[in-house]
Amino acid sequence: MLKLESAGMAKILKKFFKRKFGGRGKGPYLISRILFRKLSGRNILDDEFVRLVQQNIYERGCTFIDLGDYFSVLKTPSTKSYRKVTKKVIAKEIERIESDNARDKPATAIKKTPKTAKKSTEDEE
C-alpha cells in the first residue's frame, strides 16, 4: 500500500464520519493507533505526521484528538460549544487548593523524632 499524505488521511477520516459502521449511521468515532498507522501505509507513526493530519482534518471541519491508543474524530462545531474554564473558576480552585494545603499542613508535616540511637565508638574518637 502507498503511504498516504496527511491531506489524504484527513479526507478518508472525514469520509468515515459520514459512513455507517459500528451500529450507527454517522457521527463521531474512534480509530485505534494501529489501524490508523495501517491505513496511512506507514510502518512507524511519527508525531509530525499525526500533527499534520490533525491540522488537515481541522480544515475540513473535524477535530482530531489523540487519546493515546486511539484517535477520536468529531465535528469541530460540537467542540466549540464545550463549556470553557474561566479565570474565575481557576482562581477559586487555586484558592481551594491553597486553603486545603494550609489546613492540612500541620497534619502532614514530618515530625522530627528525637535521636535515640547511641553514638558509635567511631563518633567518639
C-alpha atoms as a PDB file:
ATOM      1  CA  MET A   1       0.000   0.000   0.000  1.00  0.00           C
ATOM      2  CA  LEU A   2       1.166   3.508  -0.755  1.00  0.00           C
ATOM      3  CA  LYS A   3       1.969   5.929   2.015  1.00  0.00           C
ATOM      4  CA  LEU A   4      -0.816   8.466   2.295  1.00  0.00           C
ATOM      5  CA  GLU A   5      -0.015  12.110   2.819  1.00  0.00           C
ATOM      6  CA  SER A   6      -1.690  13.931   5.703  1.00  0.00           C
ATOM      7  CA  ALA A   7      -4.293  15.565   3.419  1.00  0.00           C
ATOM      8  CA  GLY A   8      -5.262  12.152   2.001  1.00  0.00           C
ATOM      9  CA  MET A   9      -5.608  10.695   5.503  1.00  0.00           C
ATOM     10  CA  ALA A  10      -7.748  13.640   6.595  1.00  0.00           C
ATOM     11  CA  LYS A  11     -10.011  13.159   3.575  1.00  0.00           C
ATOM     12  CA  ILE A  12     -10.534   9.454   4.393  1.00  0.00           C
ATOM     13  CA  LEU A  13     -11.124  10.139   8.091  1.00  0.00           C
ATOM     14  CA  LYS A  14     -13.724  12.778   7.176  1.00  0.00           C
ATOM     15  CA  LYS A  15     -15.456  10.198   4.922  1.00  0.00           C
ATOM     16  CA  PHE A  16     -15.606   7.744   7.841  1.00  0.00           C
ATOM     17  CA  PHE A  17     -17.547  10.384   9.763  1.00  0.00           C
ATOM     18  CA  LYS A  18     -20.393  10.058   7.231  1.00  0.00           C
ATOM     19  CA  ARG A  19     -20.109   6.274   6.760  1.00  0.00           C
ATOM     20  CA  LYS A  20     -22.335   3.753   8.550  1.00  0.00           C
ATOM     21  CA  PHE A  21     -20.440   1.382  10.843  1.00  0.00           C
ATOM     22  CA  GLY A  22     -20.416   0.324  14.464  1.00  0.00           C
ATOM     23  CA  GLY A  23     -24.208   0.223  14.607  1.00  0.00           C
ATOM     24  CA  ARG A  24     -24.604   3.923  13.831  1.00  0.00           C
ATOM     25  CA  GLY A  25     -25.347   5.865  10.688  1.00  0.00           C
ATOM     26  CA  LYS A  26     -22.766   8.590  11.120  1.00  0.00           C
ATOM     27  CA  GLY A  27     -21.028  10.670  13.708  1.00  0.00           C
ATOM     28  CA  PRO A  28     -18.007  10.757  15.983  1.00  0.00           C
ATOM     29  CA  TYR A  29     -15.821   7.688  16.145  1.00  0.00           C
ATOM     30  CA  LEU A  30     -12.603   6.205  17.471  1.00  0.00           C
ATOM     31  CA  ILE A  31      -9.849   4.656  15.389  1.00  0.00           C
ATOM     32  CA  SER A  32      -7.033   2.706  17.016  1.00  0.00           C
ATOM     33  CA  ARG A  33      -3.486   3.931  16.587  1.00  0.00           C
ATOM     34  CA  ILE A  34      -2.633   0.566  14.966  1.00  0.00           C
ATOM     35  CA  LEU A  35      -5.407   0.812  12.345  1.00  0.00           C
ATOM     36  CA  PHE A  36      -4.616   4.493  11.746  1.00  0.00           C
ATOM     37  CA  ARG A  37      -0.983   3.559  11.053  1.00  0.00           C
ATOM     38  CA  LYS A  38      -2.048   0.693   8.789  1.00  0.00           C
ATOM     39  CA  LEU A  39      -4.448   2.921   6.830  1.00  0.00           C
ATOM     40  CA  SER A  40      -1.714   5.517   6.368  1.00  0.00           C
ATOM     41  CA  GLY A  41       0.591   2.882   4.853  1.00  0.00           C
ATOM     42  CA  ARG A  42       3.320   3.573   7.387  1.00  0.00           C
ATOM     43  CA  ASN A  43       5.476   1.230   9.441  1.00  0.00           C
ATOM     44  CA  ILE A  44       6.146   3.939  12.013  1.00  0.00           C
ATOM     45  CA  LEU A  45       3.658   6.597  13.013  1.00  0.00           C
ATOM     46  CA  ASP A  46       5.590   9.746  13.825  1.00  0.00           C
ATOM     47  CA  ASP A  47       4.250  12.728  15.779  1.00  0.00           C
ATOM     48  CA  GLU A  48       4.755  15.155  12.900  1.00  0.00           C
ATOM     49  CA  PHE A  49       2.505  13.134  10.586  1.00  0.00           C
ATOM     50  CA  VAL A  50      -0.202  12.928  13.272  1.00  0.00           C
ATOM     51  CA  ARG A  51       0.047  16.717  13.778  1.00  0.00           C
ATOM     52  CA  LEU A  52      -0.323  17.323  10.041  1.00  0.00           C
ATOM     53  CA  VAL A  53      -3.356  15.026   9.851  1.00  0.00           C
ATOM     54  CA  GLN A  54      -4.842  16.896  12.811  1.00  0.00           C
ATOM     55  CA  GLN A  55      -4.300  20.208  11.023  1.00  0.00           C
ATOM     56  CA  ASN A  56      -5.721  18.927   7.719  1.00  0.00           C
ATOM     57  CA  ILE A  57      -8.817  17.399   9.256  1.00  0.00           C
ATOM     58  CA  TYR A  58      -9.483  20.593  11.223  1.00  0.00           C
ATOM     59  CA  GLU A  59      -9.529  22.485   7.921  1.00  0.00           C
ATOM     60  CA  ARG A  60     -12.244  20.028   6.826  1.00  0.00           C
ATOM     61  CA  GLY A  61     -14.453  20.828   9.824  1.00  0.00           C
ATOM     62  CA  CYS A  62     -13.497  17.970  12.129  1.00  0.00           C
ATOM     63  CA  THR A  63     -11.496  17.748  15.331  1.00  0.00           C
ATOM     64  CA  PHE A  64      -8.898  15.007  15.683  1.00  0.00           C
ATOM     65  CA  ILE A  65      -7.915  14.121  19.245  1.00  0.00           C
ATOM     66  CA  ASP A  66      -5.022  11.881  20.256  1.00  0.00           C
ATOM     67  CA  LEU A  67      -6.234   9.690  23.145  1.00  0.00           C
ATOM     68  CA  GLY A  68      -3.131   7.550  23.383  1.00  0.00           C
ATOM     69  CA  ASP A  69      -4.076   4.141  21.968  1.00  0.00           C
ATOM     70  CA  TYR A  70      -6.920   5.692  19.940  1.00  0.00           C
ATOM     71  CA  PHE A  71      -7.721   8.803  17.972  1.00  0.00           C
ATOM     72  CA  SER A  72     -11.128  10.429  18.148  1.00  0.00           C
ATOM     73  CA  VAL A  73     -12.750  12.229  15.229  1.00  0.00           C
ATOM     74  CA  LEU A  74     -15.705  14.545  15.800  1.00  0.00           C
ATOM     75  CA  LYS A  75     -17.277  17.604  14.207  1.00  0.00           C
ATOM     76  CA  THR A  76     -15.499  20.808  15.173  1.00  0.00           C
ATOM     77  CA  PRO A  77     -18.717  22.753  15.917  1.00  0.00           C
ATOM     78  CA  SER A  78     -19.506  20.296  18.728  1.00  0.00           C
ATOM     79  CA  THR A  79     -16.189  21.083  20.402  1.00  0.00           C
ATOM     80  CA  LYS A  80     -16.780  24.820  20.059  1.00  0.00           C
ATOM     81  CA  SER A  81     -19.897  24.516  22.218  1.00  0.00           C
ATOM     82  CA  TYR A  82     -17.980  22.967  25.118  1.00  0.00           C
ATOM     83  CA  ARG A  83     -18.001  24.864  28.395  1.00  0.00           C
ATOM     84  CA  LYS A  84     -14.915  26.966  28.859  1.00  0.00           C
ATOM     85  CA  VAL A  85     -12.923  27.206  32.077  1.00  0.00           C
ATOM     86  CA  THR A  86     -12.735  30.856  33.102  1.00  0.00           C
ATOM     87  CA  LYS A  87     -10.186  32.825  35.111  1.00  0.00           C
ATOM     88  CA  LYS A  88     -12.718  32.959  37.964  1.00  0.00           C
ATOM     89  CA  VAL A  89     -13.035  29.160  38.068  1.00  0.00           C
ATOM     90  CA  ILE A  90      -9.236  28.797  38.077  1.00  0.00           C
ATOM     91  CA  ALA A  91      -8.847  31.442  40.826  1.00  0.00           C
ATOM     92  CA  LYS A  92     -11.425  29.665  43.020  1.00  0.00           C
ATOM     93  CA  GLU A  93      -9.697  26.309  42.509  1.00  0.00           C
ATOM     94  CA  ILE A  94      -6.280  27.739  43.358  1.00  0.00           C
ATOM     95  CA  GLU A  95      -7.786  29.334  46.465  1.00  0.00           C
ATOM     96  CA  ARG A  96      -9.336  25.982  47.456  1.00  0.00           C
ATOM     97  CA  ILE A  97      -6.045  24.140  46.940  1.00  0.00           C
ATOM     98  CA  GLU A  98      -4.102  26.685  48.959  1.00  0.00           C
ATOM     99  CA  SER A  99      -6.732  26.623  51.715  1.00  0.00           C
ATOM    100  CA  ASP A 100      -6.695  22.810  51.862  1.00  0.00           C
ATOM    101  CA  ASN A 101      -2.904  22.811  51.851  1.00  0.00           C
ATOM    102  CA  ALA A 102      -2.699  25.374  54.669  1.00  0.00           C
ATOM    103  CA  ARG A 103      -5.232  23.464  56.749  1.00  0.00           C
ATOM    104  CA  ASP A 104      -3.574  20.088  56.152  1.00  0.00           C
ATOM    105  CA  LYS A 105      -0.005  21.291  56.555  1.00  0.00           C
ATOM    106  CA  PRO A 106       0.329  20.658  60.323  1.00  0.00           C
ATOM    107  CA  ALA A 107      -1.199  17.205  59.944  1.00  0.00           C
ATOM    108  CA  THR A 108       1.012  16.242  57.025  1.00  0.00           C
ATOM    109  CA  ALA A 109       4.219  17.867  58.253  1.00  0.00           C
ATOM    110  CA  ILE A 110       7.009  15.452  59.021  1.00  0.00           C
ATOM    111  CA  LYS A 111       7.573  15.304  62.752  1.00  0.00           C
ATOM    112  CA  LYS A 112      11.141  15.251  63.936  1.00  0.00           C
ATOM    113  CA  THR A 113      11.784  12.435  66.333  1.00  0.00           C
ATOM    114  CA  PRO A 114      14.492  12.639  68.958  1.00  0.00           C
ATOM    115  CA  LYS A 115      17.575  10.632  68.239  1.00  0.00           C
ATOM    116  CA  THR A 116      17.508   7.564  70.438  1.00  0.00           C
ATOM    117  CA  ALA A 117      20.449   5.716  68.972  1.00  0.00           C
ATOM    118  CA  LYS A 118      23.700   5.815  70.887  1.00  0.00           C
ATOM    119  CA  LYS A 119      26.719   7.278  69.191  1.00  0.00           C
ATOM    120  CA  SER A 120      29.056   4.705  67.852  1.00  0.00           C
ATOM    121  CA  THR A 121      32.531   4.467  69.222  1.00  0.00           C
ATOM    122  CA  GLU A 122      33.849   5.811  65.909  1.00  0.00           C
ATOM    123  CA  ASP A 123      31.973   9.102  66.513  1.00  0.00           C
ATOM    124  CA  GLU A 124      33.559   9.404  69.950  1.00  0.00           C
ATOM    125  CA  GLU A 125      37.124   9.033  68.725  1.00  0.00           C
END
